[in-house]
Amino acid sequence: YLDSYTIGWFREVPGKDREGVALINR
């Protein structure tokens, strides 16, 4: 159930660390 969790968006480009973009709580 998605409504029990915070969800985040991340992005990644080759050669770089995965970067946090946004999050939203439940």
PDB file of all heavy atoms in Angstrom:
ATOM      1  N   TYR A   1       0.843  -1.192   0.000  1.00  0.00           N
ATOM      2  CA  TYR A   1       0.000   0.000   0.000  1.00  0.00           C
ATOM      3  C   TYR A   1       0.877   1.241   0.000  1.00  0.00           C
ATOM      4  O   TYR A   1       1.595   1.521   0.958  1.00  0.00           O
ATOM      5  CB  TYR A   1      -0.927  -0.001   1.201  1.00  0.00           C
ATOM      6  CG  TYR A   1      -1.990  -1.064   1.098  1.00  0.00           C
ATOM      7  CD1 TYR A   1      -1.958  -2.196   1.906  1.00  0.00           C
ATOM      8  CD2 TYR A   1      -3.022  -0.948   0.172  1.00  0.00           C
ATOM      9  CE1 TYR A   1      -2.933  -3.169   1.809  1.00  0.00           C
ATOM     10  CE2 TYR A   1      -3.998  -1.923   0.067  1.00  0.00           C
ATOM     11  CZ  TYR A   1      -3.945  -3.039   0.881  1.00  0.00           C
ATOM     12  OH  TYR A   1      -4.898  -4.015   0.765  1.00  0.00           O
ATOM     13  N   LEU A   2       0.815   1.977  -1.094  1.00  0.00           N
ATOM     14  CA  LEU A   2       1.668   3.147  -1.262  1.00  0.00           C
ATOM     15  C   LEU A   2       1.437   4.169  -0.158  1.00  0.00           C
ATOM     16  O   LEU A   2       2.367   4.867   0.259  1.00  0.00           O
ATOM     17  CB  LEU A   2       1.381   3.779  -2.622  1.00  0.00           C
ATOM     18  CG  LEU A   2       2.378   4.801  -3.118  1.00  0.00           C
ATOM     19  CD1 LEU A   2       3.655   4.120  -3.548  1.00  0.00           C
ATOM     20  CD2 LEU A   2       1.797   5.616  -4.256  1.00  0.00           C
ATOM     21  N   ASP A   3       0.206   4.251   0.367  1.00  0.00           N
ATOM     22  CA  ASP A   3      -0.114   5.293   1.331  1.00  0.00           C
ATOM     23  C   ASP A   3       0.543   5.082   2.686  1.00  0.00           C
ATOM     24  O   ASP A   3       0.381   5.905   3.582  1.00  0.00           O
ATOM     25  CB  ASP A   3      -1.619   5.482   1.471  1.00  0.00           C
ATOM     26  CG  ASP A   3      -2.328   4.221   1.924  1.00  0.00           C
ATOM     27  OD1 ASP A   3      -1.648   3.218   2.195  1.00  0.00           O
ATOM     28  OD2 ASP A   3      -3.567   4.242   1.971  1.00  0.00           O
ATOM     29  N   SER A   4       1.286   4.016   2.854  1.00  0.00           N
ATOM     30  CA  SER A   4       2.008   3.774   4.100  1.00  0.00           C
ATOM     31  C   SER A   4       3.455   4.236   4.046  1.00  0.00           C
ATOM     32  O   SER A   4       4.180   4.125   5.048  1.00  0.00           O
ATOM     33  CB  SER A   4       1.994   2.278   4.441  1.00  0.00           C
ATOM     34  OG  SER A   4       0.674   1.840   4.700  1.00  0.00           O
ATOM     35  N   TYR A   5       3.899   4.742   2.900  1.00  0.00           N
ATOM     36  CA  TYR A   5       5.319   5.018   2.717  1.00  0.00           C
ATOM     37  C   TYR A   5       5.589   6.357   2.040  1.00  0.00           C
ATOM     38  O   TYR A   5       4.837   6.791   1.159  1.00  0.00           O
ATOM     39  CB  TYR A   5       5.962   3.922   1.878  1.00  0.00           C
ATOM     40  CG  TYR A   5       6.056   2.604   2.588  1.00  0.00           C
ATOM     41  CD1 TYR A   5       5.013   1.686   2.521  1.00  0.00           C
ATOM     42  CD2 TYR A   5       7.163   2.291   3.364  1.00  0.00           C
ATOM     43  CE1 TYR A   5       5.084   0.483   3.197  1.00  0.00           C
ATOM     44  CE2 TYR A   5       7.244   1.094   4.044  1.00  0.00           C
ATOM     45  CZ  TYR A   5       6.202   0.188   3.951  1.00  0.00           C
ATOM     46  OH  TYR A   5       6.274  -1.003   4.616  1.00  0.00           O
ATOM     47  N   THR A   6       6.702   6.953   2.445  1.00  0.00           N
ATOM     48  CA  THR A   6       7.297   8.051   1.690  1.00  0.00           C
ATOM     49  C   THR A   6       7.913   7.474   0.411  1.00  0.00           C
ATOM     50  O   THR A   6       8.490   6.388   0.430  1.00  0.00           O
ATOM     51  CB  THR A   6       8.395   8.733   2.520  1.00  0.00           C
ATOM     52  OG1 THR A   6       7.769   9.433   3.599  1.00  0.00           O
ATOM     53  CG2 THR A   6       9.222   9.691   1.694  1.00  0.00           C
ATOM     54  N   ILE A   7       7.776   8.228  -0.673  1.00  0.00           N
ATOM     55  CA  ILE A   7       8.359   7.818  -1.949  1.00  0.00           C
ATOM     56  C   ILE A   7       9.285   8.918  -2.447  1.00  0.00           C
ATOM     57  O   ILE A   7       8.965  10.112  -2.348  1.00  0.00           O
ATOM     58  CB  ILE A   7       7.269   7.558  -3.005  1.00  0.00           C
ATOM     59  CG1 ILE A   7       6.349   6.419  -2.556  1.00  0.00           C
ATOM     60  CG2 ILE A   7       7.894   7.249  -4.359  1.00  0.00           C
ATOM     61  CD1 ILE A   7       7.028   5.062  -2.431  1.00  0.00           C
ATOM     62  N   GLY A   8      10.425   8.502  -2.966  1.00  0.00           N
ATOM     63  CA  GLY A   8      11.379   9.456  -3.514  1.00  0.00           C
ATOM     64  C   GLY A   8      11.623   9.225  -4.993  1.00  0.00           C
ATOM     65  O   GLY A   8      11.452   8.115  -5.501  1.00  0.00           O
ATOM     66  N   TRP A   9      12.021  10.313  -5.670  1.00  0.00           N
ATOM     67  CA  TRP A   9      12.493  10.237  -7.047  1.00  0.00           C
ATOM     68  C   TRP A   9      13.981  10.559  -7.051  1.00  0.00           C
ATOM     69  O   TRP A   9      14.420  11.494  -6.388  1.00  0.00           O
ATOM     70  CB  TRP A   9      11.765  11.240  -7.937  1.00  0.00           C
ATOM     71  CG  TRP A   9      10.405  10.825  -8.386  1.00  0.00           C
ATOM     72  CD1 TRP A   9       9.211  11.196  -7.849  1.00  0.00           C
ATOM     73  CD2 TRP A   9      10.088   9.979  -9.494  1.00  0.00           C
ATOM     74  NE1 TRP A   9       8.175  10.629  -8.545  1.00  0.00           N
ATOM     75  CE2 TRP A   9       8.689   9.872  -9.566  1.00  0.00           C
ATOM     76  CE3 TRP A   9      10.850   9.294 -10.444  1.00  0.00           C
ATOM     77  CZ2 TRP A   9       8.026   9.108 -10.534  1.00  0.00           C
ATOM     78  CZ3 TRP A   9      10.204   8.540 -11.415  1.00  0.00           C
ATOM     79  CH2 TRP A   9       8.808   8.449 -11.450  1.00  0.00           C
ATOM     80  N   PHE A  10      14.714   9.795  -7.831  1.00  0.00           N
ATOM     81  CA  PHE A  10      16.148   9.976  -7.981  1.00  0.00           C
ATOM     82  C   PHE A  10      16.486   9.954  -9.460  1.00  0.00           C
ATOM     83  O   PHE A  10      15.702   9.493 -10.280  1.00  0.00           O
ATOM     84  CB  PHE A  10      16.901   8.842  -7.269  1.00  0.00           C
ATOM     85  CG  PHE A  10      16.676   8.797  -5.786  1.00  0.00           C
ATOM     86  CD1 PHE A  10      15.512   8.251  -5.253  1.00  0.00           C
ATOM     87  CD2 PHE A  10      17.626   9.314  -4.915  1.00  0.00           C
ATOM     88  CE1 PHE A  10      15.294   8.222  -3.889  1.00  0.00           C
ATOM     89  CE2 PHE A  10      17.423   9.285  -3.543  1.00  0.00           C
ATOM     90  CZ  PHE A  10      16.252   8.731  -3.032  1.00  0.00           C
ATOM     91  N   ARG A  11      17.665  10.421  -9.790  1.00  0.00           N
ATOM     92  CA  ARG A  11      18.117  10.336 -11.175  1.00  0.00           C
ATOM     93  C   ARG A  11      19.600  10.004 -11.219  1.00  0.00           C
ATOM     94  O   ARG A  11      20.347  10.294 -10.266  1.00  0.00           O
ATOM     95  CB  ARG A  11      17.841  11.634 -11.936  1.00  0.00           C
ATOM     96  CG  ARG A  11      18.582  12.853 -11.441  1.00  0.00           C
ATOM     97  CD  ARG A  11      18.096  14.099 -12.186  1.00  0.00           C
ATOM     98  NE  ARG A  11      18.823  15.297 -11.783  1.00  0.00           N
ATOM     99  CZ  ARG A  11      18.535  16.516 -12.205  1.00  0.00           C
ATOM    100  NH1 ARG A  11      17.511  16.715 -13.046  1.00  0.00           N
ATOM    101  NH2 ARG A  11      19.250  17.563 -11.803  1.00  0.00           N
ATOM    102  N   GLU A  12      19.988   9.409 -12.324  1.00  0.00           N
ATOM    103  CA  GLU A  12      21.375   8.963 -12.447  1.00  0.00           C
ATOM    104  C   GLU A  12      21.843   9.152 -13.878  1.00  0.00           C
ATOM    105  O   GLU A  12      21.136   8.838 -14.828  1.00  0.00           O
ATOM    106  CB  GLU A  12      21.480   7.487 -12.055  1.00  0.00           C
ATOM    107  CG  GLU A  12      22.891   6.959 -12.007  1.00  0.00           C
ATOM    108  CD  GLU A  12      22.950   5.551 -11.443  1.00  0.00           C
ATOM    109  OE1 GLU A  12      21.923   5.043 -10.980  1.00  0.00           O
ATOM    110  OE2 GLU A  12      24.044   4.966 -11.488  1.00  0.00           O
ATOM    111  N   VAL A  13      23.064   9.654 -13.988  1.00  0.00           N
ATOM    112  CA  VAL A  13      23.742   9.735 -15.286  1.00  0.00           C
ATOM    113  C   VAL A  13      25.017   8.903 -15.181  1.00  0.00           C
ATOM    114  O   VAL A  13      25.579   8.761 -14.084  1.00  0.00           O
ATOM    115  CB  VAL A  13      24.072  11.182 -15.684  1.00  0.00           C
ATOM    116  CG1 VAL A  13      22.787  11.976 -15.869  1.00  0.00           C
ATOM    117  CG2 VAL A  13      24.953  11.853 -14.671  1.00  0.00           C
ATOM    118  N   PRO A  14      25.468   8.348 -16.275  1.00  0.00           N
ATOM    119  CA  PRO A  14      26.668   7.500 -16.236  1.00  0.00           C
ATOM    120  C   PRO A  14      27.851   8.237 -15.630  1.00  0.00           C
ATOM    121  O   PRO A  14      28.111   9.401 -15.951  1.00  0.00           O
ATOM    122  CB  PRO A  14      26.906   7.163 -17.707  1.00  0.00           C
ATOM    123  CG  PRO A  14      25.570   7.251 -18.329  1.00  0.00           C
ATOM    124  CD  PRO A  14      24.872   8.373 -17.619  1.00  0.00           C
ATOM    125  N   GLY A  15      28.530   7.572 -14.720  1.00  0.00           N
ATOM    126  CA  GLY A  15      29.733   8.134 -14.119  1.00  0.00           C
ATOM    127  C   GLY A  15      29.488   9.012 -12.911  1.00  0.00           C
ATOM    128  O   GLY A  15      30.438   9.509 -12.308  1.00  0.00           O
ATOM    129  N   LYS A  16      28.223   9.188 -12.557  1.00  0.00           N
ATOM    130  CA  LYS A  16      27.908  10.017 -11.395  1.00  0.00           C
ATOM    131  C   LYS A  16      27.062   9.235 -10.402  1.00  0.00           C
ATOM    132  O   LYS A  16      26.387   8.265 -10.758  1.00  0.00           O
ATOM    133  CB  LYS A  16      27.156  11.281 -11.825  1.00  0.00           C
ATOM    134  CG  LYS A  16      27.994  12.261 -12.627  1.00  0.00           C
ATOM    135  CD  LYS A  16      27.253  13.569 -12.838  1.00  0.00           C
ATOM    136  CE  LYS A  16      28.113  14.588 -13.554  1.00  0.00           C
ATOM    137  NZ  LYS A  16      27.404  15.881 -13.733  1.00  0.00           N
ATOM    138  N   ASP A  17      27.068   9.686  -9.149  1.00  0.00           N
ATOM    139  CA  ASP A  17      26.232   9.052  -8.134  1.00  0.00           C
ATOM    140  C   ASP A  17      24.764   9.340  -8.408  1.00  0.00           C
ATOM    141  O   ASP A  17      24.415  10.369  -9.000  1.00  0.00           O
ATOM    142  CB  ASP A  17      26.599   9.581  -6.747  1.00  0.00           C
ATOM    143  CG  ASP A  17      27.971   9.128  -6.290  1.00  0.00           C
ATOM    144  OD1 ASP A  17      28.469   8.118  -6.819  1.00  0.00           O
ATOM    145  OD2 ASP A  17      28.533   9.794  -5.396  1.00  0.00           O
ATOM    146  N   ARG A  18      23.929   8.424  -7.952  1.00  0.00           N
ATOM    147  CA  ARG A  18      22.495   8.648  -8.067  1.00  0.00           C
ATOM    148  C   ARG A  18      22.108   9.839  -7.185  1.00  0.00           C
ATOM    149  O   ARG A  18      22.470   9.891  -6.016  1.00  0.00           O
ATOM    150  CB  ARG A  18      21.743   7.382  -7.667  1.00  0.00           C
ATOM    151  CG  ARG A  18      20.283   7.378  -8.051  1.00  0.00           C
ATOM    152  CD  ARG A  18      19.687   6.001  -7.904  1.00  0.00           C
ATOM    153  NE  ARG A  18      20.237   5.066  -8.907  1.00  0.00           N
ATOM    154  CZ  ARG A  18      19.772   3.832  -9.109  1.00  0.00           C
ATOM    155  NH1 ARG A  18      18.749   3.388  -8.386  1.00  0.00           N
ATOM    156  NH2 ARG A  18      20.333   3.056 -10.005  1.00  0.00           N
ATOM    157  N   GLU A  19      21.365  10.753  -7.766  1.00  0.00           N
ATOM    158  CA  GLU A  19      21.044  12.020  -7.107  1.00  0.00           C
ATOM    159  C   GLU A  19      19.576  12.058  -6.694  1.00  0.00           C
ATOM    160  O   GLU A  19      18.698  11.716  -7.499  1.00  0.00           O
ATOM    161  CB  GLU A  19      21.332  13.166  -8.086  1.00  0.00           C
ATOM    162  CG  GLU A  19      20.903  14.539  -7.628  1.00  0.00           C
ATOM    163  CD  GLU A  19      20.917  15.577  -8.737  1.00  0.00           C
ATOM    164  OE1 GLU A  19      20.930  15.205  -9.928  1.00  0.00           O
ATOM    165  OE2 GLU A  19      20.901  16.784  -8.408  1.00  0.00           O
ATOM    166  N   GLY A  20      19.310  12.502  -5.471  1.00  0.00           N
ATOM    167  CA  GLY A  20      17.934  12.669  -5.036  1.00  0.00           C
ATOM    168  C   GLY A  20      17.301  13.885  -5.690  1.00  0.00           C
ATOM    169  O   GLY A  20      17.924  14.941  -5.759  1.00  0.00           O
ATOM    170  N   VAL A  21      16.072  13.730  -6.164  1.00  0.00           N
ATOM    171  CA  VAL A  21      15.379  14.811  -6.866  1.00  0.00           C
ATOM    172  C   VAL A  21      14.234  15.363  -6.029  1.00  0.00           C
ATOM    173  O   VAL A  21      14.115  16.576  -5.853  1.00  0.00           O
ATOM    174  CB  VAL A  21      14.847  14.301  -8.227  1.00  0.00           C
ATOM    175  CG1 VAL A  21      14.011  15.378  -8.910  1.00  0.00           C
ATOM    176  CG2 VAL A  21      15.992  13.864  -9.126  1.00  0.00           C
ATOM    177  N   ALA A  22      13.395  14.477  -5.491  1.00  0.00           N
ATOM    178  CA  ALA A  22      12.228  14.924  -4.729  1.00  0.00           C
ATOM    179  C   ALA A  22      11.696  13.770  -3.905  1.00  0.00           C
ATOM    180  O   ALA A  22      11.928  12.604  -4.227  1.00  0.00           O
ATOM    181  CB  ALA A  22      11.141  15.451  -5.665  1.00  0.00           C
ATOM    182  N   LEU A  23      10.982  14.105  -2.842  1.00  0.00           N
ATOM    183  CA  LEU A  23      10.296  13.092  -2.063  1.00  0.00           C
ATOM    184  C   LEU A  23       8.957  13.639  -1.589  1.00  0.00           C
ATOM    185  O   LEU A  23       8.747  14.857  -1.517  1.00  0.00           O
ATOM    186  CB  LEU A  23      11.138  12.609  -0.893  1.00  0.00           C
ATOM    187  CG  LEU A  23      11.476  13.580   0.245  1.00  0.00           C
ATOM    188  CD1 LEU A  23      10.332  13.712   1.249  1.00  0.00           C
ATOM    189  CD2 LEU A  23      12.737  13.133   0.974  1.00  0.00           C
ATOM    190  N   ILE A  24       8.071  12.714  -1.262  1.00  0.00           N
ATOM    191  CA  ILE A  24       6.764  13.091  -0.738  1.00  0.00           C
ATOM    192  C   ILE A  24       6.382  12.083   0.333  1.00  0.00           C
ATOM    193  O   ILE A  24       6.530  10.868   0.137  1.00  0.00           O
ATOM    194  CB  ILE A  24       5.715  13.152  -1.874  1.00  0.00           C
ATOM    195  CG1 ILE A  24       4.378  13.683  -1.363  1.00  0.00           C
ATOM    196  CG2 ILE A  24       5.557  11.813  -2.582  1.00  0.00           C
ATOM    197  CD1 ILE A  24       3.428  14.089  -2.484  1.00  0.00           C
ATOM    198  N   ASN A  25       5.932  12.595   1.481  1.00  0.00           N
ATOM    199  CA  ASN A  25       5.578  11.660   2.535  1.00  0.00           C
ATOM    200  C   ASN A  25       4.189  11.079   2.275  1.00  0.00           C
ATOM    201  O   ASN A  25       3.500  11.464   1.328  1.00  0.00           O
ATOM    202  CB  ASN A  25       5.708  12.314   3.905  1.00  0.00           C
ATOM    203  CG  ASN A  25       4.504  13.155   4.282  1.00  0.00           C
ATOM    204  OD1 ASN A  25       3.852  13.744   3.427  1.00  0.00           O
ATOM    205  ND2 ASN A  25       4.198  13.199   5.561  1.00  0.00           N
ATOM    206  N   ARG A  26       3.786  10.170   3.134  1.00  0.00           N
ATOM    207  CA  ARG A  26       2.590   9.390   2.818  1.00  0.00           C
ATOM    208  C   ARG A  26       1.313  10.204   2.801  1.00  0.00           C
ATOM    209  O   ARG A  26       0.377   9.863   2.096  1.00  0.00           O
ATOM    210  CB  ARG A  26       2.475   8.211   3.778  1.00  0.00           C
ATOM    211  CG  ARG A  26       2.500   8.580   5.237  1.00  0.00           C
ATOM    212  CD  ARG A  26       2.578   7.330   6.085  1.00  0.00           C
ATOM    213  NE  ARG A  26       2.592   7.632   7.498  1.00  0.00           N
ATOM    214  CZ  ARG A  26       2.647   6.700   8.434  1.00  0.00           C
ATOM    215  NH1 ARG A  26       2.688   5.429   8.110  1.00  0.00           N
ATOM    216  NH2 ARG A  26       2.661   7.047   9.708  1.00  0.00           N
TER     217      ARG A  26
END
